[in-house]
Amino acid sequence: MSVFITCLSLIILVCLILIWVASTYNRFQIFTIRINEAETNIDSVLRKRFDLLNKSIEIIKENTDTDDNVLGLIEKLKSKKLSNFELDRKLYDAMKEFNKYKERFPKLKNNDAFVKIDVAITESEAEIVAFRKYYNDIITDYNKAVKSFPTNLVGLIFNFKSKLYFDGKDMNDDDIKDFKL
């Protein structure tokens, strides 16, 4: 009878461990899906911002007497393959240039198409801030699961690795100069 109880206890223990492993694995999968969803949302807003800045080039050229290479950075970005991190930084620089034109040429503020683009760019900034926060919150939870005991055991078995935050800062390396504003 004691052999039966020992075997039954062992089977129950193994089943409980397998249920826990499956549950933890599913939790990692949910994190992965949420991370992918956040990346898709960020990508969508960055593409929208890129398109808006690209549309503004002709409007700026038509309504100013500048011979400058208007938003030349946008033209350079068309042929590059960039991560969302890099694209966000480059578009931020392009937006600063866009705002310089807006301040330098008050005539642009009277152009309906330019004003619509300006409003849409401002709205996209609010969206990207919200999506960045959502992404970083998910990454925080995911990284906690990857590094915390006992969930890190499942992470090791199924090769789940820590992920970078949206700003690209790797908290685990020795590079202290990778902080970007």
C-alpha atoms as a PDB file:
ATOM      1  CA  MET A   1       0.000   0.000   0.000  1.00  0.00           C
ATOM      2  CA  SER A   2       2.853   2.438   0.807  1.00  0.00           C
ATOM      3  CA  VAL A   3       4.412   1.810  -2.624  1.00  0.00           C
ATOM      4  CA  PHE A   4       1.084   2.725  -4.201  1.00  0.00           C
ATOM      5  CA  ILE A   5       0.844   5.961  -2.170  1.00  0.00           C
ATOM      6  CA  THR A   6       4.450   6.852  -2.980  1.00  0.00           C
ATOM      7  CA  CYS A   7       3.889   6.259  -6.704  1.00  0.00           C
ATOM      8  CA  LEU A   8       0.620   8.186  -6.638  1.00  0.00           C
ATOM      9  CA  SER A   9       2.279  11.083  -4.788  1.00  0.00           C
ATOM     10  CA  LEU A  10       5.121  11.095  -7.298  1.00  0.00           C
ATOM     11  CA  ILE A  11       2.691  11.094 -10.237  1.00  0.00           C
ATOM     12  CA  ILE A  12       0.710  13.948  -8.699  1.00  0.00           C
ATOM     13  CA  LEU A  13       3.911  15.917  -8.063  1.00  0.00           C
ATOM     14  CA  VAL A  14       5.103  15.415 -11.655  1.00  0.00           C
ATOM     15  CA  CYS A  15       1.666  16.451 -12.973  1.00  0.00           C
ATOM     16  CA  LEU A  16       1.687  19.600 -10.827  1.00  0.00           C
ATOM     17  CA  ILE A  17       5.172  20.508 -12.069  1.00  0.00           C
ATOM     18  CA  LEU A  18       4.110  19.941 -15.689  1.00  0.00           C
ATOM     19  CA  ILE A  19       1.005  22.076 -15.170  1.00  0.00           C
ATOM     20  CA  TRP A  20       3.156  24.843 -13.659  1.00  0.00           C
ATOM     21  CA  VAL A  21       5.678  24.619 -16.542  1.00  0.00           C
ATOM     22  CA  ALA A  22       2.856  24.784 -19.106  1.00  0.00           C
ATOM     23  CA  SER A  23       1.262  27.714 -17.314  1.00  0.00           C
ATOM     24  CA  THR A  24       4.559  29.602 -17.111  1.00  0.00           C
ATOM     25  CA  TYR A  25       5.338  28.853 -20.757  1.00  0.00           C
ATOM     26  CA  ASN A  26       1.912  30.190 -21.733  1.00  0.00           C
ATOM     27  CA  ARG A  27       2.612  33.326 -19.694  1.00  0.00           C
ATOM     28  CA  PHE A  28       5.819  33.851 -21.681  1.00  0.00           C
ATOM     29  CA  GLN A  29       3.842  33.363 -24.905  1.00  0.00           C
ATOM     30  CA  ILE A  30       1.300  35.982 -23.819  1.00  0.00           C
ATOM     31  CA  PHE A  31       4.169  38.405 -23.134  1.00  0.00           C
ATOM     32  CA  THR A  32       5.600  37.671 -26.572  1.00  0.00           C
ATOM     33  CA  ILE A  33       2.253  38.345 -28.250  1.00  0.00           C
ATOM     34  CA  ARG A  34       1.821  41.606 -26.327  1.00  0.00           C
ATOM     35  CA  ILE A  35       5.372  42.691 -27.209  1.00  0.00           C
ATOM     36  CA  ASN A  36       4.735  41.978 -30.891  1.00  0.00           C
ATOM     37  CA  GLU A  37       1.453  43.888 -30.715  1.00  0.00           C
ATOM     38  CA  ALA A  38       3.200  46.887 -29.131  1.00  0.00           C
ATOM     39  CA  GLU A  39       5.977  46.771 -31.752  1.00  0.00           C
ATOM     40  CA  THR A  40       3.365  46.707 -34.516  1.00  0.00           C
ATOM     41  CA  ASN A  41       1.580  49.710 -33.021  1.00  0.00           C
ATOM     42  CA  ILE A  42       4.845  51.627 -32.706  1.00  0.00           C
ATOM     43  CA  ASP A  43       5.793  50.718 -36.262  1.00  0.00           C
ATOM     44  CA  SER A  44       2.414  51.910 -37.526  1.00  0.00           C
ATOM     45  CA  VAL A  45       2.716  55.286 -35.816  1.00  0.00           C
ATOM     46  CA  LEU A  46       6.301  55.746 -36.983  1.00  0.00           C
ATOM     47  CA  ARG A  47       5.261  55.006 -40.567  1.00  0.00           C
ATOM     48  CA  LYS A  48       2.394  57.473 -40.219  1.00  0.00           C
ATOM     49  CA  ARG A  49       4.791  60.130 -38.895  1.00  0.00           C
ATOM     50  CA  PHE A  50       7.240  59.410 -41.733  1.00  0.00           C
ATOM     51  CA  ASP A  51       4.463  59.738 -44.331  1.00  0.00           C
ATOM     52  CA  LEU A  52       3.250  63.010 -42.807  1.00  0.00           C
ATOM     53  CA  LEU A  53       6.734  64.497 -42.826  1.00  0.00           C
ATOM     54  CA  ASN A  54       7.234  63.276 -46.381  1.00  0.00           C
ATOM     55  CA  LYS A  55       3.962  64.939 -47.485  1.00  0.00           C
ATOM     56  CA  SER A  56       5.020  68.192 -45.850  1.00  0.00           C
ATOM     57  CA  ILE A  57       8.107  68.503 -48.064  1.00  0.00           C
ATOM     58  CA  GLU A  58       6.181  69.622 -51.152  1.00  0.00           C
ATOM     59  CA  ILE A  59       3.958  71.948 -49.119  1.00  0.00           C
ATOM     60  CA  ILE A  60       7.006  73.599 -47.561  1.00  0.00           C
ATOM     61  CA  LYS A  61       8.688  73.952 -50.957  1.00  0.00           C
ATOM     62  CA  GLU A  62       5.540  75.473 -52.511  1.00  0.00           C
ATOM     63  CA  ASN A  63       4.970  77.980 -49.707  1.00  0.00           C
ATOM     64  CA  THR A  64       8.494  79.148 -48.965  1.00  0.00           C
ATOM     65  CA  ASP A  65      11.224  80.765 -50.958  1.00  0.00           C
ATOM     66  CA  THR A  66      13.891  78.488 -49.563  1.00  0.00           C
ATOM     67  CA  ASP A  67      16.503  76.743 -51.646  1.00  0.00           C
ATOM     68  CA  ASP A  68      17.284  74.385 -48.777  1.00  0.00           C
ATOM     69  CA  ASN A  69      17.082  70.648 -49.124  1.00  0.00           C
ATOM     70  CA  VAL A  70      13.756  70.593 -47.267  1.00  0.00           C
ATOM     71  CA  LEU A  71      13.667  67.767 -44.719  1.00  0.00           C
ATOM     72  CA  GLY A  72      16.605  66.109 -46.459  1.00  0.00           C
ATOM     73  CA  LEU A  73      16.751  63.611 -43.639  1.00  0.00           C
ATOM     74  CA  ILE A  74      13.409  62.162 -44.782  1.00  0.00           C
ATOM     75  CA  GLU A  75      14.783  61.627 -48.278  1.00  0.00           C
ATOM     76  CA  LYS A  76      17.788  59.784 -46.830  1.00  0.00           C
ATOM     77  CA  LEU A  77      15.568  57.555 -44.679  1.00  0.00           C
ATOM     78  CA  LYS A  78      13.624  56.229 -47.665  1.00  0.00           C
ATOM     79  CA  SER A  79      16.422  53.913 -48.703  1.00  0.00           C
ATOM     80  CA  LYS A  80      17.566  52.775 -45.252  1.00  0.00           C
ATOM     81  CA  LYS A  81      16.454  49.793 -43.233  1.00  0.00           C
ATOM     82  CA  LEU A  82      16.229  50.931 -39.627  1.00  0.00           C
ATOM     83  CA  SER A  83      14.952  49.473 -36.412  1.00  0.00           C
ATOM     84  CA  ASN A  84      12.033  51.212 -34.739  1.00  0.00           C
ATOM     85  CA  PHE A  85      14.496  52.622 -32.198  1.00  0.00           C
ATOM     86  CA  GLU A  86      16.662  54.198 -34.888  1.00  0.00           C
ATOM     87  CA  LEU A  87      13.720  55.357 -36.991  1.00  0.00           C
ATOM     88  CA  ASP A  88      12.153  57.048 -33.976  1.00  0.00           C
ATOM     89  CA  ARG A  89      15.368  58.972 -33.308  1.00  0.00           C
ATOM     90  CA  LYS A  90      15.750  59.997 -36.949  1.00  0.00           C
ATOM     91  CA  LEU A  91      12.111  61.084 -37.185  1.00  0.00           C
ATOM     92  CA  TYR A  92      12.546  63.104 -34.009  1.00  0.00           C
ATOM     93  CA  ASP A  93      15.378  64.998 -35.741  1.00  0.00           C
ATOM     94  CA  ALA A  94      13.198  65.462 -38.834  1.00  0.00           C
ATOM     95  CA  MET A  95      10.385  66.812 -36.658  1.00  0.00           C
ATOM     96  CA  LYS A  96      12.765  69.388 -35.173  1.00  0.00           C
ATOM     97  CA  GLU A  97      13.625  70.467 -38.719  1.00  0.00           C
ATOM     98  CA  PHE A  98       9.897  70.553 -39.604  1.00  0.00           C
ATOM     99  CA  ASN A  99       9.270  72.822 -36.592  1.00  0.00           C
ATOM    100  CA  LYS A 100      12.109  75.143 -37.673  1.00  0.00           C
ATOM    101  CA  TYR A 101      10.372  75.649 -41.004  1.00  0.00           C
ATOM    102  CA  LYS A 102       7.095  76.259 -39.219  1.00  0.00           C
ATOM    103  CA  GLU A 103       8.691  78.980 -37.074  1.00  0.00           C
ATOM    104  CA  ARG A 104      10.806  80.479 -39.858  1.00  0.00           C
ATOM    105  CA  PHE A 105       7.943  80.784 -42.342  1.00  0.00           C
ATOM    106  CA  PRO A 106       4.716  82.024 -40.715  1.00  0.00           C
ATOM    107  CA  LYS A 107       3.017  81.720 -44.108  1.00  0.00           C
ATOM    108  CA  LEU A 108       2.942  77.945 -43.582  1.00  0.00           C
ATOM    109  CA  LYS A 109       0.623  78.373 -40.603  1.00  0.00           C
ATOM    110  CA  ASN A 110      -2.026  79.715 -42.995  1.00  0.00           C
ATOM    111  CA  ASN A 111      -1.853  76.719 -45.321  1.00  0.00           C
ATOM    112  CA  ASP A 112      -4.657  74.270 -44.485  1.00  0.00           C
ATOM    113  CA  ALA A 113      -2.776  71.212 -45.701  1.00  0.00           C
ATOM    114  CA  PHE A 114       0.280  72.147 -43.645  1.00  0.00           C
ATOM    115  CA  VAL A 115      -1.841  72.803 -40.548  1.00  0.00           C
ATOM    116  CA  LYS A 116      -3.514  69.388 -40.935  1.00  0.00           C
ATOM    117  CA  ILE A 117      -0.121  67.714 -41.184  1.00  0.00           C
ATOM    118  CA  ASP A 118       1.108  69.660 -38.149  1.00  0.00           C
ATOM    119  CA  VAL A 119      -1.926  68.575 -36.100  1.00  0.00           C
ATOM    120  CA  ALA A 120      -1.538  64.962 -37.220  1.00  0.00           C
ATOM    121  CA  ILE A 121       2.178  64.999 -36.294  1.00  0.00           C
ATOM    122  CA  THR A 122       1.299  66.352 -32.846  1.00  0.00           C
ATOM    123  CA  GLU A 123      -1.311  63.602 -32.415  1.00  0.00           C
ATOM    124  CA  SER A 124       1.192  60.987 -33.553  1.00  0.00           C
ATOM    125  CA  GLU A 125       3.598  62.173 -30.862  1.00  0.00           C
ATOM    126  CA  ALA A 126       0.986  61.516 -28.187  1.00  0.00           C
ATOM    127  CA  GLU A 127       0.323  58.084 -29.676  1.00  0.00           C
ATOM    128  CA  ILE A 128       3.989  57.130 -29.818  1.00  0.00           C
ATOM    129  CA  VAL A 129       4.513  58.204 -26.200  1.00  0.00           C
ATOM    130  CA  ALA A 130       1.607  55.988 -25.118  1.00  0.00           C
ATOM    131  CA  PHE A 131       2.814  53.017 -27.194  1.00  0.00           C
ATOM    132  CA  ARG A 132       6.392  53.404 -25.898  1.00  0.00           C
ATOM    133  CA  LYS A 133       5.120  53.319 -22.324  1.00  0.00           C
ATOM    134  CA  TYR A 134       2.955  50.270 -23.075  1.00  0.00           C
ATOM    135  CA  TYR A 135       5.899  48.517 -24.744  1.00  0.00           C
ATOM    136  CA  ASN A 136       8.310  49.299 -21.896  1.00  0.00           C
ATOM    137  CA  ASP A 137       5.758  48.168 -19.293  1.00  0.00           C
ATOM    138  CA  ILE A 138       5.391  44.820 -21.063  1.00  0.00           C
ATOM    139  CA  ILE A 139       9.165  44.487 -21.408  1.00  0.00           C
ATOM    140  CA  THR A 140       9.536  45.151 -17.679  1.00  0.00           C
ATOM    141  CA  ASP A 141       7.079  42.372 -16.815  1.00  0.00           C
ATOM    142  CA  TYR A 142       8.655  40.011 -19.349  1.00  0.00           C
ATOM    143  CA  ASN A 143      12.190  40.679 -18.096  1.00  0.00           C
ATOM    144  CA  LYS A 144      11.070  40.134 -14.513  1.00  0.00           C
ATOM    145  CA  ALA A 145       9.729  36.718 -15.510  1.00  0.00           C
ATOM    146  CA  VAL A 146      12.937  35.886 -17.404  1.00  0.00           C
ATOM    147  CA  LYS A 147      15.130  36.793 -14.441  1.00  0.00           C
ATOM    148  CA  SER A 148      13.023  35.769 -11.422  1.00  0.00           C
ATOM    149  CA  PHE A 149      13.111  32.396  -9.781  1.00  0.00           C
ATOM    150  CA  PRO A 150      11.375  29.990 -10.485  1.00  0.00           C
ATOM    151  CA  THR A 151      10.040  31.330 -13.806  1.00  0.00           C
ATOM    152  CA  ASN A 152      13.599  31.819 -15.024  1.00  0.00           C
ATOM    153  CA  LEU A 153      13.932  28.011 -15.090  1.00  0.00           C
ATOM    154  CA  VAL A 154      11.206  27.800 -17.731  1.00  0.00           C
ATOM    155  CA  GLY A 155      12.847  30.744 -19.505  1.00  0.00           C
ATOM    156  CA  LEU A 156      16.131  28.870 -19.635  1.00  0.00           C
ATOM    157  CA  ILE A 157      14.510  25.636 -20.846  1.00  0.00           C
ATOM    158  CA  PHE A 158      12.655  27.381 -23.673  1.00  0.00           C
ATOM    159  CA  ASN A 159      15.404  29.937 -24.405  1.00  0.00           C
ATOM    160  CA  PHE A 160      13.549  33.123 -23.463  1.00  0.00           C
ATOM    161  CA  LYS A 161      16.022  36.020 -23.241  1.00  0.00           C
ATOM    162  CA  SER A 162      15.772  39.485 -21.733  1.00  0.00           C
ATOM    163  CA  LYS A 163      14.674  42.173 -24.185  1.00  0.00           C
ATOM    164  CA  LEU A 164      15.740  45.790 -24.569  1.00  0.00           C
ATOM    165  CA  TYR A 165      13.523  48.693 -23.658  1.00  0.00           C
ATOM    166  CA  PHE A 166      12.262  50.944 -26.436  1.00  0.00           C
ATOM    167  CA  ASP A 167      15.126  53.411 -26.044  1.00  0.00           C
ATOM    168  CA  GLY A 168      17.572  50.637 -26.895  1.00  0.00           C
ATOM    169  CA  LYS A 169      19.341  50.811 -23.534  1.00  0.00           C
ATOM    170  CA  ASP A 170      20.803  47.501 -22.506  1.00  0.00           C
ATOM    171  CA  MET A 171      20.899  47.496 -18.719  1.00  0.00           C
ATOM    172  CA  ASN A 172      23.140  44.404 -18.693  1.00  0.00           C
ATOM    173  CA  ASP A 173      26.094  45.698 -20.677  1.00  0.00           C
ATOM    174  CA  ASP A 174      29.017  47.873 -19.661  1.00  0.00           C
ATOM    175  CA  ASP A 175      28.251  50.581 -22.223  1.00  0.00           C
ATOM    176  CA  ILE A 176      27.188  53.593 -20.187  1.00  0.00           C
ATOM    177  CA  LYS A 177      27.102  55.877 -23.220  1.00  0.00           C
ATOM    178  CA  ASP A 178      24.070  54.303 -24.887  1.00  0.00           C
ATOM    179  CA  PHE A 179      21.578  56.515 -23.053  1.00  0.00           C
ATOM    180  CA  LYS A 180      19.773  58.628 -25.621  1.00  0.00           C
ATOM    181  CA  LEU A 181      17.335  61.512 -25.304  1.00  0.00           C
END
